[in-house]
Amino acid sequence: MNTPKLAIIVPCYNEELCIKNTAEKLLEVLDYLIKHNKIRRESFIYFVDDGSRDNTWKIMQYLHSQNRIFKGQRFLKNFGNQKAILAGLEAAQRFDCDCAVSIDADLQQDEWAIERFLDKYQKGYDVVCGIRNDRKTDSLFKKLTALAFYKTMNFLGANIPVNHSDFRLVSRKALNIMELYNERYLFLRGFFNDVGLKTAYVHFDVKPRFAGRSKFNLFSLSGMALNGITSYSVVPLRLVSILGFMMTIVAVILGSIAVCHKIFFSHFQHDWVIDFIMSCFFGGIELFCLGSIGEYIGQIFLEVKGRPRYITDLELK
């Protein structure tokens, strides 16, 4: 296989405290890979400013003025991490890259693992997923919610490897296939593991964050999880149908018991506390089912409007 042209995609949101350090370390990785003939000299680092409100874009412009190996674009507003990665991958395709690697701006993921990604790529793999060895740097709450997310997604059929985020290499073939998918809310973790391309895995250790704070919070992670579930599985809708059928059976049984008590034990009176608890229980299930259906209707609503995935304000080429 020929020496590939590589693009390293770095989504950024309010990362002024660490972007210079990230650029220096990634440049060191690129220089090493070029020197050892792992990638072509035309390879580059592509930052995507996801509508930052600090000096992230100004720093990007400065880096670009110093070295054209740094390219990037700025969103008109914040569209989210998945859209930023998607924009970077589409840019890699426009620049005729052979492969692209996406990595977080804080470089907690091991940037030197990119060399092992390329080794797998040279062996014919179109998708190489980075798998973190452990979650020692996470809080107990984040560990539990992350485990619940992966277990739920795999139960629903998304087939996402445990402890894989968006640190991955994808080939030009994968990028060309991605172009065929016009979904406005394409869930990349699910897509690249579901499309059927030859996939390999590289394990790495997670480092402490260099500076600043993670931009992922409970709200954003929950939104990503809901998007992933509704984008890649209809199992929740089927569960709603099964649950409705089971509730009907339970209602028939309880009704039969009430009739029997009325006929054979006329002195029997229902306890209002039990009635109240049962009403709350079944009412909660109904609201949960309506909410699940509503999530899917919301996805349809957002898709049929056909709005752009993101809007680019400026680009550094």
Protein backbone atom coordinates (compact mmCIF):
# COMPACT_ATOMS: atom_id res chain seq x y z
CA MET A 1 0.00 0.00 0.00
CA ASN A 2 1.28 3.48 -0.88
CA THR A 3 2.27 6.03 1.76
CA PRO A 4 -1.01 7.73 2.76
CA LYS A 5 -1.92 11.38 3.11
CA LEU A 6 -3.26 11.81 6.64
CA ALA A 7 -5.55 14.43 8.21
CA ILE A 8 -5.76 14.70 12.00
CA ILE A 9 -9.18 16.11 12.93
CA VAL A 10 -9.39 18.05 16.21
CA PRO A 11 -12.83 19.34 17.31
CA CYS A 12 -12.52 22.33 19.65
CA TYR A 13 -14.91 24.23 21.87
CA ASN A 14 -13.49 26.90 24.20
CA GLU A 15 -10.04 25.27 24.23
CA GLU A 16 -7.82 28.36 24.36
CA LEU A 17 -5.91 26.99 27.35
CA CYS A 18 -4.68 23.83 25.66
CA ILE A 19 -4.86 24.30 21.88
CA LYS A 20 -1.23 25.51 21.51
CA ASN A 21 0.07 22.58 23.51
CA THR A 22 -2.11 20.23 21.46
CA ALA A 23 -0.83 21.72 18.19
CA GLU A 24 2.81 21.31 19.28
CA LYS A 25 2.36 17.68 20.31
CA LEU A 26 0.43 16.73 17.17
CA LEU A 27 3.02 18.48 15.00
CA GLU A 28 5.70 16.41 16.73
CA VAL A 29 3.73 13.25 15.89
CA LEU A 30 3.30 14.31 12.25
CA ASP A 31 7.00 15.13 11.86
CA TYR A 32 7.93 11.74 13.28
CA LEU A 33 5.52 9.90 10.98
CA ILE A 34 6.72 11.84 7.92
CA LYS A 35 10.37 11.22 8.82
CA HIS A 36 9.73 7.47 9.08
CA ASN A 37 7.79 7.44 5.81
CA LYS A 38 4.52 6.48 7.51
CA ILE A 39 2.62 9.38 5.91
CA ARG A 40 3.13 11.88 3.10
CA ARG A 41 4.44 15.40 3.61
CA GLU A 42 1.10 16.82 2.45
CA SER A 43 -0.53 15.50 5.65
CA PHE A 44 -1.99 18.12 7.96
CA ILE A 45 -3.80 18.92 11.21
CA TYR A 46 -7.36 20.21 10.86
CA PHE A 47 -8.99 22.08 13.74
CA VAL A 48 -12.75 22.62 13.86
CA ASP A 49 -13.85 25.49 16.09
CA ASP A 50 -17.35 24.55 17.23
CA GLY A 51 -18.52 28.11 17.87
CA SER A 52 -16.09 28.87 20.71
CA ARG A 53 -16.64 32.02 22.75
CA ASP A 54 -13.02 32.45 23.82
CA ASN A 55 -9.81 32.99 21.82
CA THR A 56 -9.69 29.51 20.31
CA TRP A 57 -10.20 30.77 16.74
CA LYS A 58 -7.60 33.53 17.09
CA ILE A 59 -5.05 30.98 18.22
CA MET A 60 -5.96 28.80 15.24
CA GLN A 61 -5.39 31.72 12.91
CA TYR A 62 -2.00 32.39 14.50
CA LEU A 63 -0.98 28.73 14.15
CA HIS A 64 -2.05 28.75 10.50
CA SER A 65 -0.02 31.91 9.82
CA GLN A 66 3.07 30.25 11.32
CA ASN A 67 2.71 26.89 9.62
CA ARG A 68 0.27 25.93 6.84
CA ILE A 69 0.23 22.38 8.12
CA PHE A 70 -2.44 23.73 10.50
CA LYS A 71 -5.78 24.16 8.76
CA GLY A 72 -9.30 24.48 10.06
CA GLN A 73 -12.72 26.02 10.02
CA ARG A 74 -14.98 27.93 12.36
CA PHE A 75 -18.69 27.24 12.86
CA LEU A 76 -21.10 30.15 12.94
CA LYS A 77 -22.40 28.82 16.26
CA ASN A 78 -22.06 25.76 18.48
CA PHE A 79 -23.42 22.70 16.64
CA GLY A 80 -21.97 19.98 18.88
CA ASN A 81 -19.00 17.64 18.99
CA GLN A 82 -20.38 15.11 16.49
CA LYS A 83 -20.99 17.83 13.88
CA ALA A 84 -17.46 19.18 14.41
CA ILE A 85 -15.92 15.75 13.81
CA LEU A 86 -18.17 15.26 10.79
CA ALA A 87 -17.06 18.62 9.33
CA GLY A 88 -13.43 17.64 9.78
CA LEU A 89 -13.96 14.29 8.07
CA GLU A 90 -15.74 15.96 5.16
CA ALA A 91 -12.85 18.42 4.88
CA ALA A 92 -10.40 15.50 4.80
CA GLN A 93 -12.37 14.06 1.90
CA ARG A 94 -12.33 17.42 0.07
CA PHE A 95 -8.54 17.63 0.52
CA ASP A 96 -8.23 14.15 -1.03
CA CYS A 97 -6.79 12.46 2.05
CA ASP A 98 -6.24 8.71 2.13
CA CYS A 99 -7.21 8.48 5.78
CA ALA A 100 -8.23 10.67 8.72
CA VAL A 101 -7.87 10.41 12.49
CA SER A 102 -10.19 12.22 14.92
CA ILE A 103 -8.86 13.03 18.40
CA ASP A 104 -10.02 15.23 21.30
CA ALA A 105 -8.47 18.67 21.72
CA ASP A 106 -7.38 17.99 25.30
CA LEU A 107 -5.16 15.09 24.11
CA GLN A 108 -6.18 12.82 26.96
CA GLN A 109 -6.16 10.20 24.24
CA ASP A 110 -2.65 9.03 23.38
CA GLU A 111 -1.57 10.88 20.23
CA TRP A 112 1.30 8.42 19.70
CA ALA A 113 -1.24 5.63 19.20
CA ILE A 114 -1.82 7.17 15.75
CA GLU A 115 1.27 5.31 14.54
CA ARG A 116 -0.35 2.01 15.50
CA PHE A 117 -3.55 3.15 13.78
CA LEU A 118 -1.55 3.63 10.59
CA ASP A 119 0.06 0.20 10.94
CA LYS A 120 -3.43 -1.34 11.04
CA TYR A 121 -4.49 0.81 8.07
CA GLN A 122 -1.51 -0.45 6.06
CA LYS A 123 -2.70 -4.00 6.76
CA GLY A 124 -5.96 -3.25 4.97
CA TYR A 125 -8.28 -2.06 7.76
CA ASP A 126 -10.70 0.75 6.83
CA VAL A 127 -11.70 1.62 10.40
CA VAL A 128 -9.34 1.54 13.40
CA CYS A 129 -10.99 2.25 16.76
CA GLY A 130 -9.10 3.47 19.80
CA ILE A 131 -10.11 1.64 22.98
CA ARG A 132 -9.08 3.08 26.32
CA ASN A 133 -7.57 0.53 28.72
CA ASP A 134 -9.40 1.80 31.79
CA ARG A 135 -11.45 4.69 33.18
CA LYS A 136 -9.21 5.61 36.14
CA THR A 137 -9.37 9.31 35.29
CA ASP A 138 -13.20 9.36 35.47
CA SER A 139 -15.40 9.91 38.50
CA LEU A 140 -17.51 7.03 39.81
CA PHE A 141 -20.64 8.65 38.36
CA LYS A 142 -19.08 8.95 34.90
CA LYS A 143 -17.80 5.37 35.04
CA LEU A 144 -21.27 4.05 35.84
CA THR A 145 -23.07 6.18 33.25
CA ALA A 146 -20.49 5.30 30.57
CA LEU A 147 -20.88 1.59 31.28
CA ALA A 148 -24.68 1.95 31.19
CA PHE A 149 -24.44 3.79 27.85
CA TYR A 150 -22.32 1.11 26.15
CA LYS A 151 -24.40 -1.74 27.56
CA THR A 152 -27.63 -0.07 26.46
CA MET A 153 -26.34 0.73 22.97
CA ASN A 154 -25.11 -2.83 22.45
CA PHE A 155 -28.40 -4.24 23.74
CA LEU A 156 -30.20 -2.07 21.19
CA GLY A 157 -27.96 -3.32 18.38
CA ALA A 158 -25.52 -0.43 17.82
CA ASN A 159 -22.45 -2.67 18.40
CA ILE A 160 -20.22 0.04 19.88
CA PRO A 161 -17.06 -1.35 21.54
CA VAL A 162 -16.91 -0.63 25.27
CA ASN A 163 -14.66 2.36 26.10
CA HIS A 164 -14.50 3.57 22.49
CA SER A 165 -15.25 7.25 21.98
CA ASP A 166 -14.36 9.14 18.80
CA PHE A 167 -10.65 8.41 18.69
CA ARG A 168 -10.42 6.47 15.42
CA LEU A 169 -8.86 6.26 11.98
CA VAL A 170 -11.07 5.95 8.91
CA SER A 171 -9.97 5.32 5.34
CA ARG A 172 -11.01 7.15 2.18
CA LYS A 173 -13.35 4.25 1.45
CA ALA A 174 -15.10 4.87 4.78
CA LEU A 175 -15.31 8.61 4.03
CA ASN A 176 -16.85 7.91 0.62
CA ILE A 177 -19.46 5.65 2.20
CA MET A 178 -20.18 8.28 4.86
CA GLU A 179 -20.96 10.75 2.07
CA LEU A 180 -23.90 8.54 1.02
CA TYR A 181 -25.58 9.02 4.41
CA ASN A 182 -27.60 12.23 4.41
CA GLU A 183 -28.84 12.02 7.99
CA ARG A 184 -28.66 15.37 9.75
CA TYR A 185 -27.88 13.70 13.07
CA LEU A 186 -25.50 10.96 11.97
CA PHE A 187 -24.19 9.16 15.06
CA LEU A 188 -20.57 8.49 14.08
CA ARG A 189 -19.75 5.95 16.78
CA GLY A 190 -22.64 3.81 15.62
CA PHE A 191 -22.13 4.44 11.91
CA PHE A 192 -18.49 3.35 11.61
CA ASN A 193 -19.14 0.21 13.67
CA ASP A 194 -22.33 -0.65 11.80
CA VAL A 195 -21.43 -0.03 8.16
CA GLY A 196 -19.58 -3.35 7.79
CA LEU A 197 -16.06 -2.20 6.90
CA LYS A 198 -13.01 -4.15 8.02
CA THR A 199 -12.32 -2.92 11.55
CA ALA A 200 -9.36 -3.18 13.93
CA TYR A 201 -8.84 -2.04 17.52
CA VAL A 202 -5.92 -0.29 19.24
CA HIS A 203 -5.77 0.01 23.04
CA PHE A 204 -4.27 3.06 24.73
CA ASP A 205 -3.90 4.68 28.15
CA VAL A 206 -5.75 7.88 29.00
CA LYS A 207 -3.68 10.84 30.22
CA PRO A 208 -4.73 13.63 32.60
CA ARG A 209 -6.18 16.69 30.89
CA PHE A 210 -3.47 19.30 30.18
CA ALA A 211 -5.60 22.37 30.99
CA GLY A 212 -9.19 23.55 31.25
CA ARG A 213 -12.26 21.43 31.92
CA SER A 214 -14.12 18.86 29.88
CA LYS A 215 -16.94 20.37 27.81
CA PHE A 216 -19.03 17.22 28.15
CA ASN A 217 -21.61 17.38 30.92
CA LEU A 218 -24.58 15.23 31.90
CA PHE A 219 -26.88 17.17 29.56
CA SER A 220 -24.65 16.85 26.47
CA LEU A 221 -23.84 13.20 27.15
CA SER A 222 -27.53 12.40 27.64
CA GLY A 223 -28.34 14.15 24.37
CA MET A 224 -25.67 12.14 22.57
CA ALA A 225 -26.97 8.91 24.07
CA LEU A 226 -30.58 9.66 23.04
CA ASN A 227 -29.42 10.59 19.55
CA GLY A 228 -27.48 7.35 19.29
CA ILE A 229 -30.40 5.25 20.48
CA THR A 230 -33.00 6.84 18.20
CA SER A 231 -30.62 6.92 15.22
CA TYR A 232 -29.58 3.29 15.30
CA SER A 233 -32.36 1.22 16.82
CA VAL A 234 -36.13 0.79 16.84
CA VAL A 235 -35.92 -1.63 19.78
CA PRO A 236 -37.34 0.96 22.25
CA LEU A 237 -40.48 1.24 20.11
CA ARG A 238 -40.84 -2.54 20.11
CA LEU A 239 -40.34 -2.58 23.87
CA VAL A 240 -43.14 -0.03 24.18
CA SER A 241 -45.45 -2.36 22.25
CA ILE A 242 -44.46 -5.34 24.42
CA LEU A 243 -44.91 -3.28 27.58
CA GLY A 244 -48.37 -2.17 26.43
CA PHE A 245 -49.37 -5.79 25.81
CA MET A 246 -48.10 -6.82 29.26
CA MET A 247 -49.97 -3.95 30.90
CA THR A 248 -53.18 -5.13 29.22
CA ILE A 249 -52.67 -8.64 30.62
CA VAL A 250 -52.01 -7.24 34.11
CA ALA A 251 -55.13 -5.06 33.89
CA VAL A 252 -57.25 -8.07 32.90
CA ILE A 253 -55.89 -10.12 35.79
CA LEU A 254 -56.45 -7.32 38.31
CA GLY A 255 -59.95 -6.73 36.93
CA SER A 256 -60.78 -10.42 37.26
CA ILE A 257 -59.56 -10.44 40.85
CA ALA A 258 -61.69 -7.37 41.64
CA VAL A 259 -64.80 -9.00 40.13
CA CYS A 260 -64.19 -12.22 42.08
CA HIS A 261 -63.85 -10.26 45.31
CA LYS A 262 -67.05 -8.40 44.56
CA ILE A 263 -68.99 -11.61 43.88
CA PHE A 264 -67.61 -13.84 46.63
CA PHE A 265 -66.53 -11.26 49.22
CA SER A 266 -69.11 -8.51 49.05
CA HIS A 267 -67.74 -6.91 52.19
CA PHE A 268 -64.35 -6.38 50.47
CA GLN A 269 -63.32 -2.77 49.87
CA HIS A 270 -60.32 -1.55 47.84
CA ASP A 271 -57.61 0.22 49.75
CA TRP A 272 -57.30 3.74 48.27
CA VAL A 273 -53.51 3.71 48.89
CA ILE A 274 -53.10 0.66 46.65
CA ASP A 275 -55.28 2.32 44.01
CA PHE A 276 -53.16 5.45 44.16
CA ILE A 277 -49.88 3.52 43.87
CA MET A 278 -51.16 1.49 40.92
CA SER A 279 -52.38 4.65 39.18
CA CYS A 280 -48.99 6.29 39.60
CA PHE A 281 -47.19 3.15 38.43
CA PHE A 282 -49.19 2.65 35.26
CA GLY A 283 -49.34 6.40 34.62
CA GLY A 284 -45.54 6.55 34.83
CA ILE A 285 -45.20 3.69 32.36
CA GLU A 286 -47.57 5.42 29.95
CA LEU A 287 -45.62 8.68 30.15
CA PHE A 288 -42.35 6.80 29.61
CA CYS A 289 -43.79 5.12 26.52
CA LEU A 290 -45.09 8.43 25.17
CA GLY A 291 -41.69 10.00 25.78
CA SER A 292 -39.93 7.20 23.86
CA ILE A 293 -42.29 7.63 20.93
CA GLY A 294 -41.84 11.40 21.15
CA GLU A 295 -38.04 11.05 20.81
CA TYR A 296 -38.48 9.22 17.52
CA ILE A 297 -41.05 11.71 16.28
CA GLY A 298 -38.62 14.49 17.20
CA GLN A 299 -35.87 12.82 15.15
CA ILE A 300 -38.22 12.58 12.18
CA PHE A 301 -39.20 16.24 12.63
CA LEU A 302 -35.56 17.36 12.61
CA GLU A 303 -34.66 15.18 9.62
CA VAL A 304 -37.56 16.16 7.33
CA LYS A 305 -36.82 19.88 7.72
CA GLY A 306 -33.56 19.24 5.86
CA ARG A 307 -31.56 21.95 7.60
CA PRO A 308 -27.74 21.93 7.13
CA ARG A 309 -25.74 19.86 9.57
CA TYR A 310 -23.55 22.86 10.35
CA ILE A 311 -22.73 26.30 8.96
CA THR A 312 -19.11 27.27 8.34
CA ASP A 313 -18.25 30.89 9.04
CA LEU A 314 -14.53 30.91 8.07
CA GLU A 315 -12.01 28.35 6.86
CA LEU A 316 -8.21 28.22 6.95
CA LYS A 317 -6.88 26.26 3.94
